[in-house]
Protein backbone atom coordinates (compact mmCIF):
# COMPACT_ATOMS: atom_id res chain seq x y z
CA MET A 1 95.63 124.59 88.49
CA ILE A 2 96.89 121.25 89.76
CA ASP A 3 93.97 119.10 90.83
CA ARG A 4 94.95 118.26 94.81
CA PHE A 5 94.56 114.33 93.92
CA ASP A 6 97.07 114.71 91.27
CA LEU A 7 99.64 116.51 93.82
CA TYR A 8 98.86 114.04 96.88
CA GLY A 9 98.99 110.79 94.53
CA ALA A 10 102.86 112.48 92.81
CA LEU A 11 103.75 113.33 96.87
CA TYR A 12 102.57 109.72 98.28
CA LEU A 13 104.56 108.10 95.81
CA LEU A 14 107.49 110.02 95.59
CA CYS A 15 107.95 110.42 99.24
CA VAL A 16 107.37 106.20 99.47
CA ARG A 17 110.00 105.38 97.37
CA TRP A 18 112.70 108.70 98.83
CA HIS A 19 112.09 108.46 102.37
CA SER A 20 115.01 108.20 104.88
CA GLY A 21 113.20 106.77 107.95
CA GLN A 22 110.33 108.15 110.31
CA THR A 23 112.43 110.69 111.22
CA SER A 24 113.08 112.21 107.22
CA ARG A 25 110.76 115.25 106.04
CA GLY A 26 109.33 113.20 103.44
CA TYR A 27 107.83 110.80 106.34
CA ARG A 28 106.10 113.46 107.74
CA ILE A 29 104.69 114.42 104.36
CA LEU A 30 103.01 111.05 104.58
CA CYS A 31 101.42 111.84 107.86
CA ARG A 32 100.26 114.63 106.81
CA LEU A 33 98.54 113.31 103.53
CA SER A 34 97.29 110.72 106.04
CA ARG A 35 95.84 113.70 108.02
CA ALA A 36 94.56 115.06 104.85
CA GLY A 37 92.18 112.25 104.24
CA TYR A 38 94.28 111.07 101.70
CA ARG A 39 94.14 107.21 100.62
CA PRO A 40 95.83 106.13 97.83
CA GLY A 41 94.49 103.73 95.08
CA ILE A 42 95.75 100.68 94.70
CA THR A 43 97.94 101.26 91.96
CA ILE A 44 99.54 104.04 93.51
CA ARG A 45 99.89 101.84 96.82
CA ASN A 46 101.35 98.62 95.16
CA GLY A 47 103.87 101.00 92.76
CA ARG A 48 102.57 99.81 90.23
CA GLY A 49 102.26 103.86 88.45
CA PHE A 50 100.21 106.53 88.85
CA GLU A 51 96.63 107.18 88.19
CA SER A 52 96.51 110.03 85.73
CA ASP A 53 99.19 111.50 83.13
CA GLU A 54 99.22 114.72 85.63
CA GLN A 55 100.13 112.89 88.50
CA ARG A 56 102.97 111.82 86.04
CA ARG A 57 103.92 114.88 85.44
CA ILE A 58 104.10 116.25 89.15
CA TYR A 59 106.21 113.58 90.11
CA ARG A 60 109.14 113.99 87.74
CA ALA A 61 108.59 117.69 88.67
CA LEU A 62 109.15 116.74 92.40
CA LEU A 63 111.99 114.36 91.55
CA ARG A 64 114.29 117.33 91.04
CA TYR A 65 113.64 117.90 95.21
CA ARG A 66 114.07 114.57 96.59
CA HIS A 67 117.21 115.28 98.07
CA SER A 68 115.33 117.32 100.67
CA LEU A 69 113.68 114.26 101.51
């Protein structure tokens, strides 16, 4: 089972790196994460890395679908 913290962190980093503007799907996902109360840690916020190995694994899996952001 995927931990919500790891999923949110991976989604956040993916959307920050790959969204295509404020009208994009990726930007809407970022807004939903914020409304859900997700606050990224300093390492993710600064784009310096992941907070867990599971976040890295999820991120890599999500990269295959980034064209839809």
